[in-house]
Amino acid sequence: MRWDAQALLETPGNAPAASPALLPLAGLVRSVTTPEFAGVTFHEVTAKSVLNRVPAGSRMPFEWTINPYRGCSHACVYCFARKTHTYLDFDAGLDFDSQVVVKVNAAEVLRKELAKPSWARRQVALGTNTDPYQRAEGRYRLMPGIISALADSGTPLSILTKGTLLARDIPLLKSAATQVPVGIGISLAMTDEALSEAIEPGTPGPRARLKLISRLREAGLPCGVMAMPILPWLSDSDEALDSLFSSLAAAGATGVTAGALYLKPGTREWFMGWLAANHPHLAGKYRRLYGQGSYASKEYRMWLAGKVRYFKARHGFRSTSGFSHRDVDDPSSPADDPRGEEAQYPAGSIPAQAAQQATPREGQQGGAQPVLF
C-alpha cells in the first residue's frame, strides 16, 4: 500500500520512542522509532557542515550539494546510492531502506556556511544522493529552512525528488524563485502502478507524481523529469515508453532525460536478488546484458536511445539529444565510455543561471516559456 503524505505529519502528543545511541555515527544525538513510520529508525545527528563540494572533474552541472538525509525509505530496489550507506557501517540493502540518518540542524548550519565571505553563491543541488522529500521530511521538516537559507543568501538551488511532500513547499518555492534561480526535477520512469509498487514501494505512485508535475507547472515553476531508470524487459517496451512520454507531456514537464538502469556495486547485488525472486526468467538476461560492469551494453543503450528520441519527438519534447545523459552515438562522447553519457539534466531541473554556464542540451516543448535548463 502506498503511503499517504498527510499521514506523515506528526501529531502533537504522540511521543516517539528513543533508544540509546548505539551506532558510531558522528554527532549522533538519539535513535528514534515511532508508530507512524513502522519499520524505520531515525538516527538524529548534529552536522558540522552540510555543504558538500562535488569532486573536481565531475561532469555534473553543479559544484555543491546538500543531503539532509542519508538512507531512504523510498526503498527503490535500483537506487544507485545504496553503497554510500556502507560508509556508515550500515548495509546497502535493508539498512539503506530503514536506517535513516537525519541532520536535524541542517538549516542552522547551512545559514552559517552561506554567511561566510568566501561563499560564492554557486548553485546548490538537493536530491543528488538520497531524496530530500522522502517520508522523513514529513516528520522533520528540514527543507523549508534549507530553501529559505539558500534563497535569502542569493544562492541558486535545484531539487530532484520522487516525493509528493514537495507540494507542501510550493508557496515557499514560488517565493524563492523571485529571489534566486530555481530548478525542480521529478524522478519518474514508468506509469505502470503495479511495477512501481513492486520496485519502489516507499514512493508515491506514478499518478501522484504526475499530479505534482502539473501542480508545479500551474504554480509557474519549472519541472524537468528524470525518466530513470528504464528497466530492460520491464519498462522499455513501446507501450511503456509511449505511455510515459505522453503522460509527461500532458502533465506539462519542461524537459525529459531518460536512461537505462545503472547497476553499480551495492545496488547490483540488491537489485539482482530482487529480480531473481520476482522475475527469475530475466536474471540470466540481465547478467548477459550487464556482464561484470555497471552499465548495460552499448548496443542496448544505443537501441534505447533511438526509442527515447522517437517517443520524445512524438510527444513534443524538442531536444538535441534523446538519451540519458548524452547520446551514446554522439561524436563528442568518448568511444565506448558510458561515463560520457552522464551529466545531462532535463530542461527546468537546473536553475537558469547554471544553465547559461553549461552547454545547451535540451529545449522545451513548443509553445512553452523560454528554456530554463
Foldseek 3Di string as FASTA:
>chain_A
DEDDLVLLADDPPQDWDWDDDDFPDAQFDTWTDGPSQPQAIETEGADQAFWDADDPPDLALFGIEGEQKFAALLQFLQQPQLVVVVVRVDASHSCSNHYMYGNLCHLVNLLVVLPDPPDPQTEYEYCPRHAPQGSVCSYRVPVLSNLVSSLVSQHEYFHEHLAPCCVVCLVVVLVSVVRYFYFYEYEAAWQPQVVCCLRRVHGDGPVSSLQSLLVCVVSVAAYAYENDAQEPPPQQDLVGLLVVLLSNLVSPHFWYAYEHRFQDPSSVVSNLVSCCVPPVVCSVVVCVQQPPHGDGAPVVRQVSQVSQVVSCVVSQWAWPGRHAPHHQPPPVAPPPDVSSRYHHTIFRRGGQVSCVVDDDTGGGGPPDDGTGD
